[in-house]
Amino acid sequence: MDFFNIKEILSVTMILFAIIDIVGAIPIVIQLRNKAGHIQSEKASVVALILMIAFLFIGESLLGIIGVDVKSFAIAGSLVIFFIALEMVLGVNFFKEEIPDSVSIVPLAFPIIAGAGTMTTLLSLKSEYQTQNIVIGIIFNMVFVYFVLKNTMRLEKILGKTGLNILRKAFGIILLAIAIKLFRHNTGF
């Protein structure tokens, strides 16, 4: 087994790309930017990167403290991912989140970029992929997230509302398939 497996890195990168859904979050980012006037793209990206890598390494221990095994967490996570995917595909909101009055690292880095779905996905991925390949996938995603945050207005003009909706629905379908795969892998179905 290769230390750095390109297939695993690409798989992890695409899975995280779909779950982070920074392209689908462009309308939210634009709304936050309009409220605050400016978003610190570098800071938000670095904080999200640190949160994800930290959870990748200590998340399992944290679960152990509360008596939850990784398979149970992965199954629960697959259900969360399933509902997030349904939101993306159907355009309904199962999860109600309030947008705060002031924009800081908290709403952008966590939970928009590194939210519960991302953390759940990281632990689920850890049961299937090598850790170093997951870290590389996280880094690739955070570079992309940084690029998107820096160029949100340009991307909105290029893609248009229809383009953003198409991307969101396409990644929703991918997430549905990922949720089912994670559920099957951790339950033995």
C-alpha atoms as a PDB file:
ATOM      1  CA  MET A   1       0.000   0.000   0.000  1.00  0.00           C
ATOM      2  CA  ASP A   2       1.405   3.392  -1.035  1.00  0.00           C
ATOM      3  CA  PHE A   3       2.030   5.978   1.652  1.00  0.00           C
ATOM      4  CA  PHE A   4       0.381   8.601  -0.576  1.00  0.00           C
ATOM      5  CA  ASN A   5      -2.353   7.011  -2.624  1.00  0.00           C
ATOM      6  CA  ILE A   6      -3.519   9.313  -5.437  1.00  0.00           C
ATOM      7  CA  LYS A   7      -6.868   7.506  -5.773  1.00  0.00           C
ATOM      8  CA  GLU A   8      -7.559   7.909  -2.028  1.00  0.00           C
ATOM      9  CA  ILE A   9      -6.486  11.563  -2.097  1.00  0.00           C
ATOM     10  CA  LEU A  10      -8.809  12.285  -5.037  1.00  0.00           C
ATOM     11  CA  SER A  11     -11.672  10.382  -3.387  1.00  0.00           C
ATOM     12  CA  VAL A  12     -11.258  12.189  -0.061  1.00  0.00           C
ATOM     13  CA  THR A  13     -10.880  15.553  -1.810  1.00  0.00           C
ATOM     14  CA  MET A  14     -14.098  15.068  -3.781  1.00  0.00           C
ATOM     15  CA  ILE A  15     -16.043  13.787  -0.767  1.00  0.00           C
ATOM     16  CA  LEU A  16     -14.942  16.748   1.361  1.00  0.00           C
ATOM     17  CA  PHE A  17     -15.560  19.134  -1.529  1.00  0.00           C
ATOM     18  CA  ALA A  18     -19.150  17.901  -1.732  1.00  0.00           C
ATOM     19  CA  ILE A  19     -19.779  18.023   2.026  1.00  0.00           C
ATOM     20  CA  ILE A  20     -18.117  21.419   2.596  1.00  0.00           C
ATOM     21  CA  ASP A  21     -20.051  22.706  -0.434  1.00  0.00           C
ATOM     22  CA  ILE A  22     -18.338  26.089  -0.472  1.00  0.00           C
ATOM     23  CA  VAL A  23     -19.711  26.759  -3.969  1.00  0.00           C
ATOM     24  CA  GLY A  24     -23.239  26.127  -2.699  1.00  0.00           C
ATOM     25  CA  ALA A  25     -22.498  28.387   0.262  1.00  0.00           C
ATOM     26  CA  ILE A  26     -21.595  31.358  -1.963  1.00  0.00           C
ATOM     27  CA  PRO A  27     -25.022  32.985  -1.422  1.00  0.00           C
ATOM     28  CA  ILE A  28     -24.556  32.681   2.377  1.00  0.00           C
ATOM     29  CA  VAL A  29     -21.002  34.034   2.151  1.00  0.00           C
ATOM     30  CA  ILE A  30     -22.246  36.972   0.052  1.00  0.00           C
ATOM     31  CA  GLN A  31     -24.948  37.691   2.628  1.00  0.00           C
ATOM     32  CA  LEU A  32     -22.369  37.592   5.452  1.00  0.00           C
ATOM     33  CA  ARG A  33     -19.985  39.808   3.474  1.00  0.00           C
ATOM     34  CA  ASN A  34     -22.774  42.335   2.826  1.00  0.00           C
ATOM     35  CA  LYS A  35     -23.576  42.483   6.556  1.00  0.00           C
ATOM     36  CA  ALA A  36     -19.957  42.845   7.684  1.00  0.00           C
ATOM     37  CA  GLY A  37     -18.492  44.629   4.699  1.00  0.00           C
ATOM     38  CA  HIS A  38     -15.467  42.302   4.686  1.00  0.00           C
ATOM     39  CA  ILE A  39     -14.630  38.667   5.366  1.00  0.00           C
ATOM     40  CA  GLN A  40     -11.153  37.616   6.429  1.00  0.00           C
ATOM     41  CA  SER A  41     -10.702  34.789   3.918  1.00  0.00           C
ATOM     42  CA  GLU A  42      -7.241  33.797   5.149  1.00  0.00           C
ATOM     43  CA  LYS A  43      -8.275  33.614   8.783  1.00  0.00           C
ATOM     44  CA  ALA A  44     -11.483  31.684   8.063  1.00  0.00           C
ATOM     45  CA  SER A  45      -9.615  29.154   5.887  1.00  0.00           C
ATOM     46  CA  VAL A  46      -6.799  28.602   8.411  1.00  0.00           C
ATOM     47  CA  VAL A  47      -9.190  28.221  11.356  1.00  0.00           C
ATOM     48  CA  ALA A  48     -11.323  25.709   9.409  1.00  0.00           C
ATOM     49  CA  LEU A  49      -8.157  23.800   8.412  1.00  0.00           C
ATOM     50  CA  ILE A  50      -6.977  23.601  12.036  1.00  0.00           C
ATOM     51  CA  LEU A  51     -10.427  22.517  13.258  1.00  0.00           C
ATOM     52  CA  MET A  52     -10.678  19.736  10.683  1.00  0.00           C
ATOM     53  CA  ILE A  53      -7.170  18.371  11.190  1.00  0.00           C
ATOM     54  CA  ALA A  54      -7.537  18.526  14.982  1.00  0.00           C
ATOM     55  CA  PHE A  55     -10.860  16.679  14.840  1.00  0.00           C
ATOM     56  CA  LEU A  56      -9.357  14.098  12.489  1.00  0.00           C
ATOM     57  CA  PHE A  57      -6.704  13.270  15.081  1.00  0.00           C
ATOM     58  CA  ILE A  58      -8.551  13.731  18.397  1.00  0.00           C
ATOM     59  CA  GLY A  59     -12.184  13.261  17.360  1.00  0.00           C
ATOM     60  CA  GLU A  60     -12.086   9.517  17.996  1.00  0.00           C
ATOM     61  CA  SER A  61     -10.648  10.076  21.498  1.00  0.00           C
ATOM     62  CA  LEU A  62     -13.343  12.640  22.220  1.00  0.00           C
ATOM     63  CA  LEU A  63     -15.961  10.123  21.181  1.00  0.00           C
ATOM     64  CA  GLY A  64     -14.331   7.509  23.410  1.00  0.00           C
ATOM     65  CA  ILE A  65     -14.694   9.812  26.387  1.00  0.00           C
ATOM     66  CA  ILE A  66     -18.449   9.964  25.854  1.00  0.00           C
ATOM     67  CA  GLY A  67     -18.667   6.255  25.017  1.00  0.00           C
ATOM     68  CA  VAL A  68     -19.458   6.368  21.303  1.00  0.00           C
ATOM     69  CA  ASP A  69     -17.600   4.158  18.825  1.00  0.00           C
ATOM     70  CA  VAL A  70     -16.514   5.386  15.382  1.00  0.00           C
ATOM     71  CA  LYS A  71     -18.931   3.086  13.510  1.00  0.00           C
ATOM     72  CA  SER A  72     -21.917   4.471  15.444  1.00  0.00           C
ATOM     73  CA  PHE A  73     -20.688   8.015  14.824  1.00  0.00           C
ATOM     74  CA  ALA A  74     -20.191   7.195  11.137  1.00  0.00           C
ATOM     75  CA  ILE A  75     -23.740   5.810  10.858  1.00  0.00           C
ATOM     76  CA  ALA A  76     -25.150   8.886  12.580  1.00  0.00           C
ATOM     77  CA  GLY A  77     -22.977  11.024  10.322  1.00  0.00           C
ATOM     78  CA  SER A  78     -24.220   9.240   7.223  1.00  0.00           C
ATOM     79  CA  LEU A  79     -27.766  10.186   8.247  1.00  0.00           C
ATOM     80  CA  VAL A  80     -26.751  13.835   8.760  1.00  0.00           C
ATOM     81  CA  ILE A  81     -25.028  13.824   5.354  1.00  0.00           C
ATOM     82  CA  PHE A  82     -28.155  12.251   3.854  1.00  0.00           C
ATOM     83  CA  PHE A  83     -30.344  15.084   5.143  1.00  0.00           C
ATOM     84  CA  ILE A  84     -27.845  17.746   4.044  1.00  0.00           C
ATOM     85  CA  ALA A  85     -27.911  16.167   0.569  1.00  0.00           C
ATOM     86  CA  LEU A  86     -31.719  16.196   0.570  1.00  0.00           C
ATOM     87  CA  GLU A  87     -31.617  19.909   1.410  1.00  0.00           C
ATOM     88  CA  MET A  88     -29.314  20.505  -1.539  1.00  0.00           C
ATOM     89  CA  VAL A  89     -31.337  18.441  -4.019  1.00  0.00           C
ATOM     90  CA  LEU A  90     -34.860  19.354  -2.912  1.00  0.00           C
ATOM     91  CA  GLY A  91     -34.191  22.942  -1.865  1.00  0.00           C
ATOM     92  CA  VAL A  92     -35.806  22.513   1.560  1.00  0.00           C
ATOM     93  CA  ASN A  93     -34.325  23.368   4.940  1.00  0.00           C
ATOM     94  CA  PHE A  94     -34.198  20.665   7.597  1.00  0.00           C
ATOM     95  CA  PHE A  95     -31.537  22.493   9.595  1.00  0.00           C
ATOM     96  CA  LYS A  96     -32.408  25.997  10.682  1.00  0.00           C
ATOM     97  CA  GLU A  97     -29.375  28.209  11.260  1.00  0.00           C
ATOM     98  CA  GLU A  98     -29.447  31.829  12.283  1.00  0.00           C
ATOM     99  CA  ILE A  99     -27.129  34.287  10.637  1.00  0.00           C
ATOM    100  CA  PRO A 100     -25.526  36.346  13.403  1.00  0.00           C
ATOM    101  CA  ASP A 101     -25.516  40.124  13.464  1.00  0.00           C
ATOM    102  CA  SER A 102     -21.722  40.305  13.254  1.00  0.00           C
ATOM    103  CA  VAL A 103     -19.552  38.242  10.943  1.00  0.00           C
ATOM    104  CA  SER A 104     -16.562  36.566  12.533  1.00  0.00           C
ATOM    105  CA  ILE A 105     -14.642  33.340  12.285  1.00  0.00           C
ATOM    106  CA  VAL A 106     -17.396  31.541  14.178  1.00  0.00           C
ATOM    107  CA  PRO A 107     -20.140  31.581  11.552  1.00  0.00           C
ATOM    108  CA  LEU A 108     -17.809  31.212   8.572  1.00  0.00           C
ATOM    109  CA  ALA A 109     -15.059  28.813   9.684  1.00  0.00           C
ATOM    110  CA  PHE A 110     -17.466  26.978  11.981  1.00  0.00           C
ATOM    111  CA  PRO A 111     -20.164  25.869  11.190  1.00  0.00           C
ATOM    112  CA  ILE A 112     -20.369  26.956   7.514  1.00  0.00           C
ATOM    113  CA  ILE A 113     -17.024  25.484   6.369  1.00  0.00           C
ATOM    114  CA  ALA A 114     -16.112  23.014   9.131  1.00  0.00           C
ATOM    115  CA  GLY A 115     -19.538  22.082  10.413  1.00  0.00           C
ATOM    116  CA  ALA A 116     -21.040  18.956  11.889  1.00  0.00           C
ATOM    117  CA  GLY A 117     -21.354  17.259   8.509  1.00  0.00           C
ATOM    118  CA  THR A 118     -17.678  17.856   7.761  1.00  0.00           C
ATOM    119  CA  MET A 119     -16.545  16.579  11.164  1.00  0.00           C
ATOM    120  CA  THR A 120     -18.727  13.500  10.856  1.00  0.00           C
ATOM    121  CA  THR A 121     -17.404  12.867   7.371  1.00  0.00           C
ATOM    122  CA  LEU A 122     -13.793  13.120   8.582  1.00  0.00           C
ATOM    123  CA  LEU A 123     -14.279  10.376  11.154  1.00  0.00           C
ATOM    124  CA  SER A 124     -16.171   8.267   8.646  1.00  0.00           C
ATOM    125  CA  LEU A 125     -13.360   8.702   6.131  1.00  0.00           C
ATOM    126  CA  LYS A 126     -10.817   7.713   8.784  1.00  0.00           C
ATOM    127  CA  SER A 127     -12.418   4.274   8.935  1.00  0.00           C
ATOM    128  CA  GLU A 128     -11.870   3.840   5.184  1.00  0.00           C
ATOM    129  CA  TYR A 129      -8.808   5.866   4.124  1.00  0.00           C
ATOM    130  CA  GLN A 130      -5.254   6.469   5.339  1.00  0.00           C
ATOM    131  CA  THR A 131      -4.897   9.521   7.585  1.00  0.00           C
ATOM    132  CA  GLN A 132      -2.160  11.215   5.523  1.00  0.00           C
ATOM    133  CA  ASN A 133      -4.368  11.039   2.418  1.00  0.00           C
ATOM    134  CA  ILE A 134      -7.246  12.613   4.358  1.00  0.00           C
ATOM    135  CA  VAL A 135      -4.965  15.457   5.542  1.00  0.00           C
ATOM    136  CA  ILE A 136      -3.912  16.148   1.944  1.00  0.00           C
ATOM    137  CA  GLY A 137      -7.589  16.139   0.891  1.00  0.00           C
ATOM    138  CA  ILE A 138      -8.352  18.639   3.679  1.00  0.00           C
ATOM    139  CA  ILE A 139      -5.504  20.908   2.566  1.00  0.00           C
ATOM    140  CA  PHE A 140      -6.627  20.807  -1.090  1.00  0.00           C
ATOM    141  CA  ASN A 141     -10.151  21.737  -0.009  1.00  0.00           C
ATOM    142  CA  MET A 142      -9.000  24.601   2.181  1.00  0.00           C
ATOM    143  CA  VAL A 143      -6.936  26.032  -0.692  1.00  0.00           C
ATOM    144  CA  PHE A 144     -10.081  25.876  -2.833  1.00  0.00           C
ATOM    145  CA  VAL A 145     -12.214  27.372  -0.026  1.00  0.00           C
ATOM    146  CA  TYR A 146      -9.720  30.246   0.295  1.00  0.00           C
ATOM    147  CA  PHE A 147      -9.894  30.832  -3.471  1.00  0.00           C
ATOM    148  CA  VAL A 148     -13.709  30.858  -3.398  1.00  0.00           C
ATOM    149  CA  LEU A 149     -13.876  33.193  -0.381  1.00  0.00           C
ATOM    150  CA  LYS A 150     -11.461  35.612  -2.056  1.00  0.00           C
ATOM    151  CA  ASN A 151     -13.413  35.558  -5.329  1.00  0.00           C
ATOM    152  CA  THR A 152     -17.030  35.193  -4.207  1.00  0.00           C
ATOM    153  CA  MET A 153     -18.347  38.189  -6.099  1.00  0.00           C
ATOM    154  CA  ARG A 154     -16.589  37.216  -9.327  1.00  0.00           C
ATOM    155  CA  LEU A 155     -17.834  33.616  -9.075  1.00  0.00           C
ATOM    156  CA  GLU A 156     -21.387  34.786  -8.496  1.00  0.00           C
ATOM    157  CA  LYS A 157     -21.239  36.863 -11.690  1.00  0.00           C
ATOM    158  CA  ILE A 158     -19.651  34.042 -13.709  1.00  0.00           C
ATOM    159  CA  LEU A 159     -21.950  31.227 -12.562  1.00  0.00           C
ATOM    160  CA  GLY A 160     -25.142  33.192 -12.138  1.00  0.00           C
ATOM    161  CA  LYS A 161     -28.037  32.062  -9.985  1.00  0.00           C
ATOM    162  CA  THR A 162     -28.888  29.151 -12.298  1.00  0.00           C
ATOM    163  CA  GLY A 163     -25.308  27.901 -12.388  1.00  0.00           C
ATOM    164  CA  LEU A 164     -25.057  27.977  -8.594  1.00  0.00           C
ATOM    165  CA  ASN A 165     -28.340  26.041  -8.295  1.00  0.00           C
ATOM    166  CA  ILE A 166     -27.182  23.402 -10.781  1.00  0.00           C
ATOM    167  CA  LEU A 167     -23.883  22.936  -8.899  1.00  0.00           C
ATOM    168  CA  ARG A 168     -25.687  22.670  -5.584  1.00  0.00           C
ATOM    169  CA  LYS A 169     -28.069  19.990  -6.882  1.00  0.00           C
ATOM    170  CA  ALA A 170     -25.290  18.013  -8.591  1.00  0.00           C
ATOM    171  CA  PHE A 171     -23.257  17.912  -5.375  1.00  0.00           C
ATOM    172  CA  GLY A 172     -26.412  16.993  -3.485  1.00  0.00           C
ATOM    173  CA  ILE A 173     -26.767  13.843  -5.586  1.00  0.00           C
ATOM    174  CA  ILE A 174     -23.086  13.009  -4.963  1.00  0.00           C
ATOM    175  CA  LEU A 175     -23.634  13.479  -1.215  1.00  0.00           C
ATOM    176  CA  LEU A 176     -26.662  11.163  -1.269  1.00  0.00           C
ATOM    177  CA  ALA A 177     -24.494   8.445  -2.802  1.00  0.00           C
ATOM    178  CA  ILE A 178     -21.732   9.094  -0.229  1.00  0.00           C
ATOM    179  CA  ALA A 179     -24.236   8.907   2.640  1.00  0.00           C
ATOM    180  CA  ILE A 180     -25.558   5.575   1.416  1.00  0.00           C
ATOM    181  CA  LYS A 181     -22.015   4.227   0.922  1.00  0.00           C
ATOM    182  CA  LEU A 182     -20.987   5.272   4.465  1.00  0.00           C
ATOM    183  CA  PHE A 183     -24.134   3.755   5.934  1.00  0.00           C
ATOM    184  CA  ARG A 184     -23.640   0.456   4.078  1.00  0.00           C
ATOM    185  CA  HIS A 185     -19.923   0.304   4.921  1.00  0.00           C
ATOM    186  CA  ASN A 186     -20.510   0.794   8.648  1.00  0.00           C
ATOM    187  CA  THR A 187     -23.602  -1.386   9.008  1.00  0.00           C
ATOM    188  CA  GLY A 188     -22.629  -4.273   6.750  1.00  0.00           C
ATOM    189  CA  PHE A 189     -25.707  -3.953   4.491  1.00  0.00           C
END
